Amino acid sequence: MAQAQDQLPTPGTSNTIVPEKVREGVDLEINGRSYRHTGDDQMPLLWYLRDVLRLTGTKYSGEHGEGGYDLVLVDGKLASATNLPVVKLAGKTVTTVEGLAAADGKLHPLQQAFVDEDAIGCGYCTPGWLMASLDLLNRHPQPSDNDIDQLPNLCRCGCQTRVRRAIKRAAKGAQA
């Protein structure tokens, strides 16, 4: 039975609003916030971060993640966001460079060490260096030069010496 366009629907008729069921997807936590990705579950984490969540600190690092620009922590371990499909993150915790600073904006001690040592050239590689350095300091609280040299990061601006000093400064600060 068709209703005239100028008549309001009667409550309880077929024109009542029915909520949609919750969309299935991949549940994950990023920087302390819960998300559900309902799109292509094979989407690389990098593009989910950058294009969907607008967290642009993690950078494109080539199709194989070379250079270390795309590094994040997944359940506290270093991972390439380029090579990691969202489906593999179900129930996992992801930390990006945006998640390092405190809620009040205070920099993480490693971030502050990078500022203090002027370990930022153009800035493209800095987020990856920060994430790899944090992973290193979590594994080796007092890293050697050799430990630092093993990090997968590249800096085309030549900031490696200042990065080394920043990592060591952060390690000393953590020890104090």
Protein backbone atom coordinates (compact mmCIF):
# COMPACT_ATOMS: atom_id res chain seq x y z
CA MET A 1 0.00 0.00 0.00
CA ALA A 2 1.68 3.21 -1.13
CA GLN A 3 1.60 6.32 1.02
CA ALA A 4 1.16 9.79 -0.35
CA GLN A 5 4.42 11.73 -0.28
CA ASP A 6 2.99 14.44 1.98
CA GLN A 7 1.87 11.97 4.68
CA LEU A 8 4.12 11.05 7.58
CA PRO A 9 4.69 7.34 8.21
CA THR A 10 2.75 5.77 11.04
CA PRO A 11 4.91 4.37 13.85
CA GLY A 12 5.31 0.62 13.57
CA THR A 13 4.92 0.57 9.79
CA SER A 14 7.56 -0.54 7.31
CA ASN A 15 9.03 2.97 7.29
CA THR A 16 10.59 2.59 10.75
CA ILE A 17 14.34 2.84 11.07
CA VAL A 18 16.13 -0.46 11.46
CA PRO A 19 19.77 -0.25 12.55
CA GLU A 20 22.31 -2.01 10.38
CA LYS A 21 24.22 -4.86 11.94
CA VAL A 22 27.78 -4.12 13.00
CA ARG A 23 30.10 -4.51 10.03
CA GLU A 24 32.62 -7.28 10.25
CA GLY A 25 36.23 -6.27 10.11
CA VAL A 26 39.65 -6.43 11.69
CA ASP A 27 39.82 -5.03 15.22
CA LEU A 28 43.14 -3.54 16.23
CA GLU A 29 44.59 -0.96 18.59
CA ILE A 30 46.71 1.88 17.28
CA ASN A 31 48.39 4.31 19.66
CA GLY A 32 46.03 3.32 22.46
CA ARG A 33 42.82 3.72 20.44
CA SER A 34 40.61 0.92 19.14
CA TYR A 35 39.77 0.70 15.43
CA ARG A 36 37.84 -1.65 13.19
CA HIS A 37 39.01 -1.86 9.59
CA THR A 38 36.07 -2.94 7.44
CA GLY A 39 37.75 -2.61 4.05
CA ASP A 40 40.16 -4.88 2.20
CA ASP A 41 41.84 -6.97 4.88
CA GLN A 42 44.93 -7.33 2.68
CA MET A 43 45.51 -3.55 2.69
CA PRO A 44 49.05 -2.87 3.92
CA LEU A 45 49.15 -1.26 7.36
CA LEU A 46 51.08 1.69 5.88
CA TRP A 47 48.15 2.71 3.67
CA TYR A 48 45.62 2.13 6.44
CA LEU A 49 47.63 4.44 8.71
CA ARG A 50 48.22 7.13 6.10
CA ASP A 51 45.09 7.07 3.95
CA VAL A 52 42.37 5.97 6.37
CA LEU A 53 43.53 7.20 9.79
CA ARG A 54 45.58 10.14 8.44
CA LEU A 55 48.56 9.19 10.62
CA THR A 56 51.20 10.35 8.16
CA GLY A 57 54.33 10.01 10.30
CA THR A 58 55.02 6.52 8.97
CA LYS A 59 56.52 6.94 5.50
CA TYR A 60 56.56 4.90 2.30
CA SER A 61 59.73 2.87 2.22
CA GLY A 62 59.65 1.23 -1.20
CA GLU A 63 57.64 -1.85 -2.09
CA HIS A 64 59.79 -4.03 0.17
CA GLY A 65 60.15 -1.63 3.11
CA GLU A 66 63.78 -0.82 2.44
CA GLY A 67 65.29 2.17 4.25
CA GLY A 68 63.32 1.75 7.46
CA TYR A 69 61.04 4.74 6.86
CA ASP A 70 57.89 2.65 7.44
CA LEU A 71 58.73 1.12 10.82
CA VAL A 72 56.18 0.72 13.60
CA LEU A 73 55.97 -1.42 16.73
CA VAL A 74 53.49 -4.31 16.72
CA ASP A 75 53.00 -5.74 20.19
CA GLY A 76 56.27 -4.01 21.08
CA LYS A 77 58.31 -5.49 18.23
CA LEU A 78 59.64 -3.67 15.20
CA ALA A 79 57.72 -4.28 11.95
CA SER A 80 57.53 -2.89 8.44
CA ALA A 81 54.12 -1.27 7.85
CA THR A 82 54.62 -1.71 4.09
CA ASN A 83 54.81 -5.49 4.30
CA LEU A 84 52.13 -6.10 6.90
CA PRO A 85 48.50 -6.63 5.80
CA VAL A 86 45.87 -5.35 8.24
CA VAL A 87 44.39 -8.87 8.60
CA LYS A 88 47.57 -9.98 10.42
CA LEU A 89 46.99 -7.29 13.05
CA ALA A 90 43.72 -8.63 14.45
CA GLY A 91 43.83 -8.16 18.22
CA LYS A 92 47.32 -6.65 18.10
CA THR A 93 48.64 -3.35 19.41
CA VAL A 94 50.37 -1.00 16.97
CA THR A 95 52.47 1.99 17.99
CA THR A 96 53.39 4.60 15.42
CA VAL A 97 55.60 7.65 15.84
CA GLU A 98 52.46 9.65 16.64
CA GLY A 99 51.97 7.42 19.68
CA LEU A 100 55.32 8.19 21.30
CA ALA A 101 54.56 11.57 22.87
CA ALA A 102 52.47 11.74 26.04
CA ALA A 103 48.83 12.81 25.90
CA ASP A 104 49.80 16.25 27.20
CA GLY A 105 52.22 16.68 24.28
CA LYS A 106 55.41 16.04 26.25
CA LEU A 107 57.93 14.37 23.97
CA HIS A 108 59.11 10.84 24.59
CA PRO A 109 62.70 10.93 25.94
CA LEU A 110 63.96 9.48 22.64
CA GLN A 111 62.17 12.21 20.67
CA GLN A 112 63.66 14.83 22.99
CA ALA A 113 67.13 13.34 22.50
CA PHE A 114 66.70 13.62 18.71
CA VAL A 115 65.79 17.30 19.14
CA ASP A 116 68.66 17.95 21.56
CA GLU A 117 71.22 16.33 19.25
CA ASP A 118 69.76 17.95 16.11
CA ALA A 119 69.37 14.45 14.66
CA ILE A 120 66.74 15.55 12.17
CA GLY A 121 67.76 16.44 8.64
CA CYS A 122 64.92 16.68 6.14
CA GLY A 123 62.78 14.63 8.55
CA TYR A 124 61.62 11.92 6.15
CA CYS A 125 63.58 9.15 7.87
CA THR A 126 63.14 10.44 11.44
CA PRO A 127 59.94 8.51 12.32
CA GLY A 128 61.55 5.24 11.24
CA TRP A 129 64.73 6.03 13.16
CA LEU A 130 62.68 6.79 16.28
CA MET A 131 60.76 3.52 16.09
CA ALA A 132 63.86 1.41 15.36
CA SER A 133 65.79 3.20 18.13
CA LEU A 134 63.00 2.59 20.63
CA ASP A 135 62.95 -1.10 19.71
CA LEU A 136 66.75 -1.22 20.11
CA LEU A 137 66.65 0.50 23.52
CA ASN A 138 63.92 -1.88 24.68
CA ARG A 139 66.16 -4.83 23.75
CA HIS A 140 69.55 -3.27 24.65
CA PRO A 141 69.22 -0.46 27.20
CA GLN A 142 72.88 0.49 26.67
CA PRO A 143 73.47 -0.16 22.96
CA SER A 144 76.94 -0.30 21.47
CA ASP A 145 77.94 1.47 18.27
CA ASN A 146 77.69 -1.92 16.55
CA ASP A 147 74.11 -2.37 17.84
CA ILE A 148 73.17 1.02 16.41
CA ASP A 149 74.92 0.23 13.12
CA GLN A 150 72.65 -2.82 12.73
CA LEU A 151 69.49 -0.70 12.58
CA PRO A 152 67.82 -0.99 9.16
CA ASN A 153 67.44 2.77 8.66
CA LEU A 154 68.95 4.98 5.99
CA CYS A 155 69.39 8.75 6.14
CA ARG A 156 70.19 10.49 2.89
CA CYS A 157 70.95 13.76 4.72
CA GLY A 158 73.90 12.28 6.59
CA CYS A 159 72.48 12.54 10.12
CA GLN A 160 73.69 9.10 11.23
CA THR A 161 76.35 10.51 13.59
CA ARG A 162 73.79 12.75 15.29
CA VAL A 163 71.29 9.87 15.43
CA ARG A 164 73.92 7.74 17.19
CA ARG A 165 74.46 10.53 19.75
CA ALA A 166 70.69 10.88 20.24
CA ILE A 167 70.25 7.15 20.89
CA LYS A 168 73.11 7.17 23.38
CA ARG A 169 71.71 10.31 25.06
CA ALA A 170 68.33 8.63 25.45
CA ALA A 171 70.01 5.51 26.85
CA LYS A 172 71.88 7.62 29.45
CA GLY A 173 68.68 9.42 30.36
CA ALA A 174 66.86 6.15 30.90
CA GLN A 175 69.69 4.96 33.12
CA ALA A 176 69.64 8.09 35.33
